[in-house]
């Protein structure tokens, strides 16, 4: 999803919290079209790996898309929709929320360049 310019990617460990999946990934796209493109690429990659297309909802609309990858559930939102539903607050531990805040802090240019 990094390659597709998804923003604010967050992984939440659901093991022991839910029987739906082991992990939830939440990410943002800048527009409806960007959300759809991120999801289309992810569905394509998952299909190539498993041989079957994952179940998905909302990809065409582009406000909030859900991709069920079995052990991993992926939500891709437009930023204002993500903020409204605040799934991270519902599921994430304090550690994951702190990790997200740390990612949002500006980094020195040299560090940012090595991560790109």
PDB file of N, CA and C in Angstrom:
ATOM      1  N   UNK A   1       0.820  -1.190   0.000  1.00  0.00           N
ATOM      2  CA  UNK A   1       0.000   0.000   0.000  1.00  0.00           C
ATOM      3  C   UNK A   1       0.867   1.258   0.000  1.00  0.00           C
ATOM      4  N   UNK A   2       2.075   1.139   0.545  1.00  0.00           N
ATOM      5  CA  UNK A   2       3.012   2.262   0.481  1.00  0.00           C
ATOM      6  C   UNK A   2       3.301   2.641  -0.972  1.00  0.00           C
ATOM      7  N   UNK A   3       3.477   1.624  -1.810  1.00  0.00           N
ATOM      8  CA  UNK A   3       3.782   1.875  -3.217  1.00  0.00           C
ATOM      9  C   UNK A   3       2.654   2.630  -3.929  1.00  0.00           C
ATOM     10  N   UNK A   4       1.446   2.477  -3.438  1.00  0.00           N
ATOM     11  CA  UNK A   4       0.284   3.133  -4.042  1.00  0.00           C
ATOM     12  C   UNK A   4      -0.046   4.453  -3.366  1.00  0.00           C
ATOM     13  N   UNK A   5       0.897   4.923  -2.549  1.00  0.00           N
ATOM     14  CA  UNK A   5       0.785   6.231  -1.886  1.00  0.00           C
ATOM     15  C   UNK A   5      -0.357   6.309  -0.868  1.00  0.00           C
ATOM     16  N   UNK A   6      -0.703   5.165  -0.272  1.00  0.00           N
ATOM     17  CA  UNK A   6      -1.664   5.189   0.833  1.00  0.00           C
ATOM     18  C   UNK A   6      -1.037   5.981   1.970  1.00  0.00           C
ATOM     19  N   UNK A   7      -1.862   6.690   2.705  1.00  0.00           N
ATOM     20  CA  UNK A   7      -1.362   7.552   3.777  1.00  0.00           C
ATOM     21  C   UNK A   7      -1.806   7.051   5.138  1.00  0.00           C
ATOM     22  N   UNK A   8      -1.022   7.393   6.146  1.00  0.00           N
ATOM     23  CA  UNK A   8      -1.359   7.119   7.539  1.00  0.00           C
ATOM     24  C   UNK A   8      -1.747   5.653   7.746  1.00  0.00           C
ATOM     25  N   UNK A   9      -0.896   4.742   7.275  1.00  0.00           N
ATOM     26  CA  UNK A   9      -1.170   3.308   7.374  1.00  0.00           C
ATOM     27  C   UNK A   9      -0.939   2.848   8.808  1.00  0.00           C
ATOM     28  N   UNK A  10      -1.912   2.138   9.330  1.00  0.00           N
ATOM     29  CA  UNK A  10      -1.860   1.661  10.710  1.00  0.00           C
ATOM     30  C   UNK A  10      -2.253   0.196  10.754  1.00  0.00           C
ATOM     31  N   UNK A  11      -1.469  -0.620  11.432  1.00  0.00           N
ATOM     32  CA  UNK A  11      -1.774  -2.035  11.603  1.00  0.00           C
ATOM     33  C   UNK A  11      -2.154  -2.275  13.062  1.00  0.00           C
ATOM     34  N   UNK A  12      -3.262  -2.968  13.262  1.00  0.00           N
ATOM     35  CA  UNK A  12      -3.744  -3.250  14.612  1.00  0.00           C
ATOM     36  C   UNK A  12      -3.794  -4.758  14.810  1.00  0.00           C
ATOM     37  N   UNK A  13      -3.156  -5.230  15.850  1.00  0.00           N
ATOM     38  CA  UNK A  13      -3.144  -6.648  16.195  1.00  0.00           C
ATOM     39  C   UNK A  13      -4.456  -6.986  16.893  1.00  0.00           C
ATOM     40  N   UNK A  14      -5.273  -7.835  16.263  1.00  0.00           N
ATOM     41  CA  UNK A  14      -6.575  -8.206  16.826  1.00  0.00           C
ATOM     42  C   UNK A  14      -6.563  -9.568  17.515  1.00  0.00           C
ATOM     43  N   UNK A  15      -5.421 -10.231  17.501  1.00  0.00           N
ATOM     44  CA  UNK A  15      -5.364 -11.549  18.138  1.00  0.00           C
ATOM     45  C   UNK A  15      -5.760 -11.426  19.599  1.00  0.00           C
ATOM     46  N   UNK A  16      -6.710 -12.238  20.004  1.00  0.00           N
ATOM     47  CA  UNK A  16      -7.196 -12.202  21.377  1.00  0.00           C
ATOM     48  C   UNK A  16      -8.279 -11.164  21.615  1.00  0.00           C
ATOM     49  N   UNK A  17      -8.521 -10.286  20.615  1.00  0.00           N
ATOM     50  CA  UNK A  17      -9.565  -9.267  20.745  1.00  0.00           C
ATOM     51  C   UNK A  17     -10.787  -9.585  19.899  1.00  0.00           C
ATOM     52  N   UNK A  18     -10.571 -10.315  18.797  1.00  0.00           N
ATOM     53  CA  UNK A  18     -11.654 -10.594  17.866  1.00  0.00           C
ATOM     54  C   UNK A  18     -11.386 -11.893  17.128  1.00  0.00           C
ATOM     55  N   UNK A  19     -12.459 -12.600  16.786  1.00  0.00           N
ATOM     56  CA  UNK A  19     -12.308 -13.820  15.995  1.00  0.00           C
ATOM     57  C   UNK A  19     -12.455 -13.532  14.502  1.00  0.00           C
ATOM     58  N   UNK A  20     -12.706 -12.279  14.133  1.00  0.00           N
ATOM     59  CA  UNK A  20     -12.881 -11.913  12.727  1.00  0.00           C
ATOM     60  C   UNK A  20     -11.598 -12.013  11.931  1.00  0.00           C
ATOM     61  N   UNK A  21     -10.499 -11.591  12.525  1.00  0.00           N
ATOM     62  CA  UNK A  21      -9.207 -11.570  11.826  1.00  0.00           C
ATOM     63  C   UNK A  21      -8.096 -11.447  12.851  1.00  0.00           C
ATOM     64  N   UNK A  22      -6.873 -11.684  12.400  1.00  0.00           N
ATOM     65  CA  UNK A  22      -5.715 -11.517  13.274  1.00  0.00           C
ATOM     66  C   UNK A  22      -5.221 -10.069  13.272  1.00  0.00           C
ATOM     67  N   UNK A  23      -5.373  -9.405  12.132  1.00  0.00           N
ATOM     68  CA  UNK A  23      -4.906  -8.027  12.014  1.00  0.00           C
ATOM     69  C   UNK A  23      -5.918  -7.184  11.257  1.00  0.00           C
ATOM     70  N   UNK A  24      -5.937  -5.912  11.589  1.00  0.00           N
ATOM     71  CA  UNK A  24      -6.711  -4.926  10.851  1.00  0.00           C
ATOM     72  C   UNK A  24      -5.735  -3.855  10.390  1.00  0.00           C
ATOM     73  N   UNK A  25      -5.819  -3.508   9.126  1.00  0.00           N
ATOM     74  CA  UNK A  25      -4.998  -2.442   8.583  1.00  0.00           C
ATOM     75  C   UNK A  25      -5.933  -1.311   8.193  1.00  0.00           C
ATOM     76  N   UNK A  26      -5.588  -0.107   8.614  1.00  0.00           N
ATOM     77  CA  UNK A  26      -6.381   1.073   8.298  1.00  0.00           C
ATOM     78  C   UNK A  26      -5.458   2.044   7.571  1.00  0.00           C
ATOM     79  N   UNK A  27      -5.953   2.588   6.456  1.00  0.00           N
ATOM     80  CA  UNK A  27      -5.162   3.531   5.673  1.00  0.00           C
ATOM     81  C   UNK A  27      -6.084   4.576   5.070  1.00  0.00           C
ATOM     82  N   UNK A  28      -5.492   5.638   4.579  1.00  0.00           N
ATOM     83  CA  UNK A  28      -6.256   6.717   3.947  1.00  0.00           C
ATOM     84  C   UNK A  28      -5.789   6.942   2.523  1.00  0.00           C
ATOM     85  N   UNK A  29      -6.737   7.366   1.698  1.00  0.00           N
ATOM     86  CA  UNK A  29      -6.453   7.831   0.347  1.00  0.00           C
ATOM     87  C   UNK A  29      -6.918   9.274   0.259  1.00  0.00           C
ATOM     88  N   UNK A  30      -6.300  10.061  -0.590  1.00  0.00           N
ATOM     89  CA  UNK A  30      -6.582  11.493  -0.660  1.00  0.00           C
ATOM     90  C   UNK A  30      -7.942  11.832  -1.259  1.00  0.00           C
ATOM     91  N   UNK A  31      -8.516  10.942  -2.069  1.00  0.00           N
ATOM     92  CA  UNK A  31      -9.788  11.201  -2.738  1.00  0.00           C
ATOM     93  C   UNK A  31     -10.507   9.879  -2.968  1.00  0.00           C
ATOM     94  N   UNK A  32     -11.753   9.956  -3.439  1.00  0.00           N
ATOM     95  CA  UNK A  32     -12.502   8.734  -3.752  1.00  0.00           C
ATOM     96  C   UNK A  32     -11.734   7.891  -4.776  1.00  0.00           C
ATOM     97  N   UNK A  33     -11.213   8.571  -5.776  1.00  0.00           N
ATOM     98  CA  UNK A  33     -10.479   7.884  -6.830  1.00  0.00           C
ATOM     99  C   UNK A  33      -9.216   7.218  -6.283  1.00  0.00           C
ATOM    100  N   UNK A  34      -8.514   7.901  -5.386  1.00  0.00           N
ATOM    101  CA  UNK A  34      -7.296   7.349  -4.789  1.00  0.00           C
ATOM    102  C   UNK A  34      -7.626   6.137  -3.924  1.00  0.00           C
ATOM    103  N   UNK A  35      -8.692   6.228  -3.132  1.00  0.00           N
ATOM    104  CA  UNK A  35      -9.123   5.084  -2.306  1.00  0.00           C
ATOM    105  C   UNK A  35      -9.396   3.881  -3.209  1.00  0.00           C
ATOM    106  N   UNK A  36     -10.133   4.104  -4.303  1.00  0.00           N
ATOM    107  CA  UNK A  36     -10.435   3.018  -5.237  1.00  0.00           C
ATOM    108  C   UNK A  36      -9.190   2.417  -5.856  1.00  0.00           C
ATOM    109  N   UNK A  37      -8.238   3.257  -6.233  1.00  0.00           N
ATOM    110  CA  UNK A  37      -6.999   2.772  -6.855  1.00  0.00           C
ATOM    111  C   UNK A  37      -6.166   1.953  -5.863  1.00  0.00           C
ATOM    112  N   UNK A  38      -6.075   2.417  -4.630  1.00  0.00           N
ATOM    113  CA  UNK A  38      -5.343   1.668  -3.593  1.00  0.00           C
ATOM    114  C   UNK A  38      -5.960   0.283  -3.443  1.00  0.00           C
ATOM    115  N   UNK A  39      -7.281   0.238  -3.358  1.00  0.00           N
ATOM    116  CA  UNK A  39      -7.987  -1.029  -3.158  1.00  0.00           C
ATOM    117  C   UNK A  39      -7.856  -1.944  -4.372  1.00  0.00           C
ATOM    118  N   UNK A  40      -7.992  -1.385  -5.565  1.00  0.00           N
ATOM    119  CA  UNK A  40      -7.863  -2.203  -6.779  1.00  0.00           C
ATOM    120  C   UNK A  40      -6.502  -2.879  -6.836  1.00  0.00           C
ATOM    121  N   UNK A  41      -5.450  -2.138  -6.524  1.00  0.00           N
ATOM    122  CA  UNK A  41      -4.094  -2.706  -6.541  1.00  0.00           C
ATOM    123  C   UNK A  41      -3.930  -3.774  -5.470  1.00  0.00           C
ATOM    124  N   UNK A  42      -4.473  -3.522  -4.287  1.00  0.00           N
ATOM    125  CA  UNK A  42      -4.366  -4.495  -3.203  1.00  0.00           C
ATOM    126  C   UNK A  42      -5.127  -5.773  -3.552  1.00  0.00           C
ATOM    127  N   UNK A  43      -6.323  -5.630  -4.097  1.00  0.00           N
ATOM    128  CA  UNK A  43      -7.111  -6.797  -4.503  1.00  0.00           C
ATOM    129  C   UNK A  43      -6.358  -7.594  -5.569  1.00  0.00           C
ATOM    130  N   UNK A  44      -5.750  -6.895  -6.501  1.00  0.00           N
ATOM    131  CA  UNK A  44      -4.954  -7.534  -7.556  1.00  0.00           C
ATOM    132  C   UNK A  44      -3.793  -8.332  -6.966  1.00  0.00           C
ATOM    133  N   UNK A  45      -3.089  -7.734  -6.000  1.00  0.00           N
ATOM    134  CA  UNK A  45      -1.956  -8.434  -5.366  1.00  0.00           C
ATOM    135  C   UNK A  45      -2.415  -9.653  -4.567  1.00  0.00           C
ATOM    136  N   UNK A  46      -3.496  -9.490  -3.811  1.00  0.00           N
ATOM    137  CA  UNK A  46      -4.003 -10.606  -3.011  1.00  0.00           C
ATOM    138  C   UNK A  46      -4.489 -11.744  -3.904  1.00  0.00           C
ATOM    139  N   UNK A  47      -5.123 -11.398  -5.011  1.00  0.00           N
ATOM    140  CA  UNK A  47      -5.589 -12.416  -5.960  1.00  0.00           C
ATOM    141  C   UNK A  47      -4.409 -13.157  -6.575  1.00  0.00           C
ATOM    142  N   UNK A  48      -3.338 -12.436  -6.906  1.00  0.00           N
ATOM    143  CA  UNK A  48      -2.144 -13.062  -7.476  1.00  0.00           C
ATOM    144  C   UNK A  48      -1.502 -14.035  -6.488  1.00  0.00           C
ATOM    145  N   UNK A  49      -1.525 -13.687  -5.203  1.00  0.00           N
ATOM    146  CA  UNK A  49      -0.907 -14.544  -4.181  1.00  0.00           C
ATOM    147  C   UNK A  49      -1.755 -15.763  -3.862  1.00  0.00           C
ATOM    148  N   UNK A  50      -3.082 -15.576  -3.754  1.00  0.00           N
ATOM    149  CA  UNK A  50      -3.936 -16.668  -3.298  1.00  0.00           C
ATOM    150  C   UNK A  50      -4.670 -17.396  -4.416  1.00  0.00           C
ATOM    151  N   UNK A  51      -4.775 -16.767  -5.578  1.00  0.00           N
ATOM    152  CA  UNK A  51      -5.501 -17.385  -6.679  1.00  0.00           C
ATOM    153  C   UNK A  51      -6.991 -17.055  -6.690  1.00  0.00           C
ATOM    154  N   UNK A  52      -7.472 -16.416  -5.636  1.00  0.00           N
ATOM    155  CA  UNK A  52      -8.881 -15.998  -5.589  1.00  0.00           C
ATOM    156  C   UNK A  52      -8.956 -14.547  -5.138  1.00  0.00           C
ATOM    157  N   UNK A  53      -9.950 -13.848  -5.651  1.00  0.00           N
ATOM    158  CA  UNK A  53     -10.124 -12.439  -5.272  1.00  0.00           C
ATOM    159  C   UNK A  53     -10.720 -12.355  -3.873  1.00  0.00           C
ATOM    160  N   UNK A  54     -10.191 -11.479  -3.030  1.00  0.00           N
ATOM    161  CA  UNK A  54     -10.764 -11.308  -1.690  1.00  0.00           C
ATOM    162  C   UNK A  54     -12.128 -10.622  -1.783  1.00  0.00           C
ATOM    163  N   UNK A  55     -12.942 -10.822  -0.780  1.00  0.00           N
ATOM    164  CA  UNK A  55     -14.220 -10.105  -0.730  1.00  0.00           C
ATOM    165  C   UNK A  55     -13.947  -8.641  -0.434  1.00  0.00           C
ATOM    166  N   UNK A  56     -14.752  -7.776  -1.030  1.00  0.00           N
ATOM    167  CA  UNK A  56     -14.567  -6.347  -0.804  1.00  0.00           C
ATOM    168  C   UNK A  56     -15.912  -5.639  -0.842  1.00  0.00           C
ATOM    169  N   UNK A  57     -15.962  -4.482  -0.211  1.00  0.00           N
ATOM    170  CA  UNK A  57     -17.157  -3.633  -0.177  1.00  0.00           C
ATOM    171  C   UNK A  57     -16.712  -2.182  -0.292  1.00  0.00           C
ATOM    172  N   UNK A  58     -17.477  -1.375  -0.996  1.00  0.00           N
ATOM    173  CA  UNK A  58     -17.259   0.060  -1.017  1.00  0.00           C
ATOM    174  C   UNK A  58     -16.169   0.571  -1.929  1.00  0.00           C
ATOM    175  N   UNK A  59     -15.528  -0.310  -2.684  1.00  0.00           N
ATOM    176  CA  UNK A  59     -14.417   0.104  -3.534  1.00  0.00           C
ATOM    177  C   UNK A  59     -14.905   1.088  -4.604  1.00  0.00           C
ATOM    178  N   UNK A  60     -16.075   0.825  -5.168  1.00  0.00           N
ATOM    179  CA  UNK A  60     -16.603   1.682  -6.229  1.00  0.00           C
ATOM    180  C   UNK A  60     -16.933   3.079  -5.717  1.00  0.00           C
ATOM    181  N   UNK A  61     -17.451   3.173  -4.503  1.00  0.00           N
ATOM    182  CA  UNK A  61     -17.847   4.455  -3.926  1.00  0.00           C
ATOM    183  C   UNK A  61     -16.634   5.290  -3.532  1.00  0.00           C
ATOM    184  N   UNK A  62     -15.664   4.660  -2.882  1.00  0.00           N
ATOM    185  CA  UNK A  62     -14.411   5.333  -2.559  1.00  0.00           C
ATOM    186  C   UNK A  62     -14.382   6.162  -1.295  1.00  0.00           C
ATOM    187  N   UNK A  63     -15.454   6.161  -0.506  1.00  0.00           N
ATOM    188  CA  UNK A  63     -15.422   6.858   0.782  1.00  0.00           C
ATOM    189  C   UNK A  63     -14.770   5.985   1.843  1.00  0.00           C
ATOM    190  N   UNK A  64     -15.239   4.739   1.895  1.00  0.00           N
ATOM    191  CA  UNK A  64     -14.737   3.762   2.862  1.00  0.00           C
ATOM    192  C   UNK A  64     -14.805   2.410   2.179  1.00  0.00           C
ATOM    193  N   UNK A  65     -13.684   1.794   1.971  1.00  0.00           N
ATOM    194  CA  UNK A  65     -13.633   0.486   1.334  1.00  0.00           C
ATOM    195  C   UNK A  65     -13.096  -0.535   2.331  1.00  0.00           C
ATOM    196  N   UNK A  66     -13.642  -1.736   2.238  1.00  0.00           N
ATOM    197  CA  UNK A  66     -13.242  -2.837   3.107  1.00  0.00           C
ATOM    198  C   UNK A  66     -12.800  -3.991   2.233  1.00  0.00           C
ATOM    199  N   UNK A  67     -11.646  -4.552   2.545  1.00  0.00           N
ATOM    200  CA  UNK A  67     -11.147  -5.730   1.846  1.00  0.00           C
ATOM    201  C   UNK A  67     -10.895  -6.808   2.886  1.00  0.00           C
ATOM    202  N   UNK A  68     -11.539  -7.955   2.694  1.00  0.00           N
ATOM    203  CA  UNK A  68     -11.394  -9.074   3.618  1.00  0.00           C
ATOM    204  C   UNK A  68     -10.362 -10.035   3.056  1.00  0.00           C
ATOM    205  N   UNK A  69      -9.168  -9.953   3.600  1.00  0.00           N
ATOM    206  CA  UNK A  69      -8.076 -10.814   3.158  1.00  0.00           C
ATOM    207  C   UNK A  69      -7.928 -12.053   4.019  1.00  0.00           C
ATOM    208  N   UNK A  70      -8.990 -12.472   4.697  1.00  0.00           N
ATOM    209  CA  UNK A  70      -8.932 -13.653   5.558  1.00  0.00           C
ATOM    210  C   UNK A  70      -8.427 -13.290   6.937  1.00  0.00           C
ATOM    211  N   UNK A  71      -7.153 -13.495   7.178  1.00  0.00           N
ATOM    212  CA  UNK A  71      -6.564 -13.177   8.479  1.00  0.00           C
ATOM    213  C   UNK A  71      -6.315 -11.685   8.655  1.00  0.00           C
ATOM    214  N   UNK A  72      -6.439 -10.936   7.564  1.00  0.00           N
ATOM    215  CA  UNK A  72      -6.213  -9.489   7.617  1.00  0.00           C
ATOM    216  C   UNK A  72      -7.404  -8.777   6.981  1.00  0.00           C
ATOM    217  N   UNK A  73      -7.953  -7.824   7.688  1.00  0.00           N
ATOM    218  CA  UNK A  73      -9.026  -6.986   7.170  1.00  0.00           C
ATOM    219  C   UNK A  73      -8.437  -5.598   6.929  1.00  0.00           C
ATOM    220  N   UNK A  74      -8.690  -5.052   5.750  1.00  0.00           N
ATOM    221  CA  UNK A  74      -8.138  -3.751   5.385  1.00  0.00           C
ATOM    222  C   UNK A  74      -9.270  -2.755   5.173  1.00  0.00           C
ATOM    223  N   UNK A  75      -9.163  -1.608   5.826  1.00  0.00           N
ATOM    224  CA  UNK A  75     -10.087  -0.496   5.643  1.00  0.00           C
ATOM    225  C   UNK A  75      -9.308   0.639   5.001  1.00  0.00           C
ATOM    226  N   UNK A  76      -9.850   1.203   3.918  1.00  0.00           N
ATOM    227  CA  UNK A  76      -9.224   2.362   3.283  1.00  0.00           C
ATOM    228  C   UNK A  76     -10.286   3.455   3.221  1.00  0.00           C
ATOM    229  N   UNK A  77      -9.962   4.604   3.779  1.00  0.00           N
ATOM    230  CA  UNK A  77     -10.902   5.711   3.925  1.00  0.00           C
ATOM    231  C   UNK A  77     -10.398   6.974   3.244  1.00  0.00           C
ATOM    232  N   UNK A  78     -11.309   7.863   2.916  1.00  0.00           N
ATOM    233  CA  UNK A  78     -10.931   9.257   2.707  1.00  0.00           C
ATOM    234  C   UNK A  78     -10.705   9.819   4.109  1.00  0.00           C
ATOM    235  N   UNK A  79      -9.787  10.767   4.299  1.00  0.00           N
ATOM    236  CA  UNK A  79      -9.421  11.226   5.647  1.00  0.00           C
ATOM    237  C   UNK A  79     -10.593  11.684   6.517  1.00  0.00           C
ATOM    238  N   UNK A  80     -11.530  12.437   5.969  1.00  0.00           N
ATOM    239  CA  UNK A  80     -12.635  12.934   6.797  1.00  0.00           C
ATOM    240  C   UNK A  80     -13.588  11.813   7.215  1.00  0.00           C
ATOM    241  N   UNK A  81     -13.725  10.788   6.390  1.00  0.00           N
ATOM    242  CA  UNK A  81     -14.562   9.636   6.744  1.00  0.00           C
ATOM    243  C   UNK A  81     -13.859   8.818   7.822  1.00  0.00           C
ATOM    244  N   UNK A  82     -12.564   8.662   7.672  1.00  0.00           N
ATOM    245  CA  UNK A  82     -11.779   7.930   8.676  1.00  0.00           C
ATOM    246  C   UNK A  82     -11.868   8.616  10.034  1.00  0.00           C
ATOM    247  N   UNK A  83     -11.740   9.928  10.028  1.00  0.00           N
ATOM    248  CA  UNK A  83     -11.819  10.683  11.276  1.00  0.00           C
ATOM    249  C   UNK A  83     -13.194  10.531  11.928  1.00  0.00           C
ATOM    250  N   UNK A  84     -14.248  10.537  11.131  1.00  0.00           N
ATOM    251  CA  UNK A  84     -15.604  10.416  11.658  1.00  0.00           C
ATOM    252  C   UNK A  84     -15.823   9.069  12.343  1.00  0.00           C
ATOM    253  N   UNK A  85     -15.413   7.970  11.707  1.00  0.00           N
ATOM    254  CA  UNK A  85     -15.652   6.636  12.268  1.00  0.00           C
ATOM    255  C   UNK A  85     -14.626   6.235  13.315  1.00  0.00           C
ATOM    256  N   UNK A  86     -13.423   6.738  13.255  1.00  0.00           N
ATOM    257  CA  UNK A  86     -12.377   6.535  14.275  1.00  0.00           C
ATOM    258  C   UNK A  86     -12.220   5.079  14.711  1.00  0.00           C
ATOM    259  N   UNK A  87     -12.080   4.182  13.747  1.00  0.00           N
ATOM    260  CA  UNK A  87     -11.912   2.761  14.074  1.00  0.00           C
ATOM    261  C   UNK A  87     -10.684   2.499  14.930  1.00  0.00           C
ATOM    262  N   UNK A  88      -9.624   3.298  14.714  1.00  0.00           N
ATOM    263  CA  UNK A  88      -8.420   3.085  15.514  1.00  0.00           C
ATOM    264  C   UNK A  88      -8.698   3.203  17.002  1.00  0.00           C
ATOM    265  N   UNK A  89      -9.526   4.167  17.370  1.00  0.00           N
ATOM    266  CA  UNK A  89      -9.837   4.371  18.785  1.00  0.00           C
ATOM    267  C   UNK A  89     -10.630   3.209  19.346  1.00  0.00           C
ATOM    268  N   UNK A  90     -11.437   2.595  18.506  1.00  0.00           N
ATOM    269  CA  UNK A  90     -12.255   1.476  18.955  1.00  0.00           C
ATOM    270  C   UNK A  90     -11.421   0.216  19.181  1.00  0.00           C
ATOM    271  N   UNK A  91     -10.430  -0.017  18.317  1.00  0.00           N
ATOM    272  CA  UNK A  91      -9.699  -1.271  18.334  1.00  0.00           C
ATOM    273  C   UNK A  91      -8.275  -1.192  18.834  1.00  0.00           C
ATOM    274  N   UNK A  92      -7.637  -0.074  18.657  1.00  0.00           N
ATOM    275  CA  UNK A  92      -6.196  -0.002  18.910  1.00  0.00           C
ATOM    276  C   UNK A  92      -5.871   0.102  20.388  1.00  0.00           C
ATOM    277  N   UNK A  93      -4.747  -0.473  20.727  1.00  0.00           N
ATOM    278  CA  UNK A  93      -4.213  -0.302  22.067  1.00  0.00           C
ATOM    279  C   UNK A  93      -3.486   1.037  22.125  1.00  0.00           C
ATOM    280  N   UNK A  94      -3.144   1.465  23.298  1.00  0.00           N
ATOM    281  CA  UNK A  94      -2.420   2.725  23.459  1.00  0.00           C
ATOM    282  C   UNK A  94      -1.097   2.689  22.702  1.00  0.00           C
ATOM    283  N   UNK A  95      -0.452   1.506  22.630  1.00  0.00           N
ATOM    284  CA  UNK A  95       0.829   1.381  21.935  1.00  0.00           C
ATOM    285  C   UNK A  95       0.687   1.683  20.447  1.00  0.00           C
ATOM    286  N   UNK A  96      -0.368   1.169  19.812  1.00  0.00           N
ATOM    287  CA  UNK A  96      -0.562   1.374  18.383  1.00  0.00           C
ATOM    288  C   UNK A  96      -0.887   2.826  18.099  1.00  0.00           C
ATOM    289  N   UNK A  97      -1.710   3.440  18.937  1.00  0.00           N
ATOM    290  CA  UNK A  97      -2.053   4.841  18.756  1.00  0.00           C
ATOM    291  C   UNK A  97      -0.798   5.703  18.925  1.00  0.00           C
ATOM    292  N   UNK A  98       0.057   5.355  19.894  1.00  0.00           N
ATOM    293  CA  UNK A  98       1.308   6.089  20.088  1.00  0.00           C
ATOM    294  C   UNK A  98       2.225   5.911  18.878  1.00  0.00           C
ATOM    295  N   UNK A  99       2.247   4.703  18.295  1.00  0.00           N
ATOM    296  CA  UNK A  99       3.046   4.452  17.098  1.00  0.00           C
ATOM    297  C   UNK A  99       2.565   5.335  15.955  1.00  0.00           C
ATOM    298  N   UNK A 100       1.283   5.477  15.814  1.00  0.00           N
ATOM    299  CA  UNK A 100       0.724   6.324  14.757  1.00  0.00           C
ATOM    300  C   UNK A 100       1.128   7.774  14.973  1.00  0.00           C
ATOM    301  N   UNK A 101       1.066   8.251  16.201  1.00  0.00           N
ATOM    302  CA  UNK A 101       1.447   9.627  16.500  1.00  0.00           C
ATOM    303  C   UNK A 101       2.927   9.847  16.200  1.00  0.00           C
ATOM    304  N   UNK A 102       3.750   8.863  16.514  1.00  0.00           N
ATOM    305  CA  UNK A 102       5.190   8.980  16.252  1.00  0.00           C
ATOM    306  C   UNK A 102       5.466   9.074  14.760  1.00  0.00           C
ATOM    307  N   UNK A 103       4.705   8.346  13.951  1.00  0.00           N
ATOM    308  CA  UNK A 103       4.880   8.419  12.502  1.00  0.00           C
ATOM    309  C   UNK A 103       4.523   9.789  11.960  1.00  0.00           C
ATOM    310  N   UNK A 104       3.594  10.449  12.604  1.00  0.00           N
ATOM    311  CA  UNK A 104       3.135  11.756  12.129  1.00  0.00           C
ATOM    312  C   UNK A 104       4.116  12.870  12.455  1.00  0.00           C
ATOM    313  N   UNK A 105       5.034  12.631  13.404  1.00  0.00           N
ATOM    314  CA  UNK A 105       6.005  13.656  13.776  1.00  0.00           C
ATOM    315  C   UNK A 105       7.006  13.859  12.652  1.00  0.00           C
ATOM    316  N   UNK A 106       7.401  15.095  12.404  1.00  0.00           N
ATOM    317  CA  UNK A 106       8.396  15.350  11.349  1.00  0.00           C
ATOM    318  C   UNK A 106       9.712  14.654  11.672  1.00  0.00           C
ATOM    319  N   UNK A 107      10.342  14.139  10.621  1.00  0.00           N
ATOM    320  CA  UNK A 107      11.634  13.474  10.783  1.00  0.00           C
ATOM    321  C   UNK A 107      12.690  14.272  10.050  1.00  0.00           C
ATOM    322  N   UNK A 108      13.924  14.182  10.502  1.00  0.00           N
ATOM    323  CA  UNK A 108      14.999  14.843   9.759  1.00  0.00           C
ATOM    324  C   UNK A 108      15.018  14.346   8.319  1.00  0.00           C
ATOM    325  N   UNK A 109      15.400  15.216   7.389  1.00  0.00           N
ATOM    326  CA  UNK A 109      15.388  14.884   5.960  1.00  0.00           C
ATOM    327  C   UNK A 109      16.215  13.644   5.653  1.00  0.00           C
ATOM    328  N   UNK A 110      17.339  13.466   6.315  1.00  0.00           N
ATOM    329  CA  UNK A 110      18.196  12.307   6.058  1.00  0.00           C
ATOM    330  C   UNK A 110      17.498  11.005   6.422  1.00  0.00           C
ATOM    331  N   UNK A 111      16.769  11.003   7.524  1.00  0.00           N
ATOM    332  CA  UNK A 111      16.040   9.808   7.946  1.00  0.00           C
ATOM    333  C   UNK A 111      14.904   9.547   6.983  1.00  0.00           C
ATOM    334  N   UNK A 112      14.155  10.563   6.630  1.00  0.00           N
ATOM    335  CA  UNK A 112      13.029  10.410   5.708  1.00  0.00           C
ATOM    336  C   UNK A 112      13.498   9.886   4.361  1.00  0.00           C
ATOM    337  N   UNK A 113      14.649  10.343   3.898  1.00  0.00           N
ATOM    338  CA  UNK A 113      15.165   9.911   2.600  1.00  0.00           C
ATOM    339  C   UNK A 113      15.517   8.426   2.599  1.00  0.00           C
ATOM    340  N   UNK A 114      16.040   7.924   3.705  1.00  0.00           N
ATOM    341  CA  UNK A 114      16.406   6.502   3.763  1.00  0.00           C
ATOM    342  C   UNK A 114      15.186   5.622   3.839  1.00  0.00           C
ATOM    343  N   UNK A 115      14.081   6.152   4.346  1.00  0.00           N
ATOM    344  CA  UNK A 115      12.858   5.367   4.449  1.00  0.00           C
ATOM    345  C   UNK A 115      12.074   5.332   3.156  1.00  0.00           C
ATOM    346  N   UNK A 116      12.377   6.217   2.235  1.00  0.00           N
ATOM    347  CA  UNK A 116      11.612   6.301   0.982  1.00  0.00           C
ATOM    348  C   UNK A 116      11.920   5.191   0.023  1.00  0.00           C
TER     349      UNK A 116
END
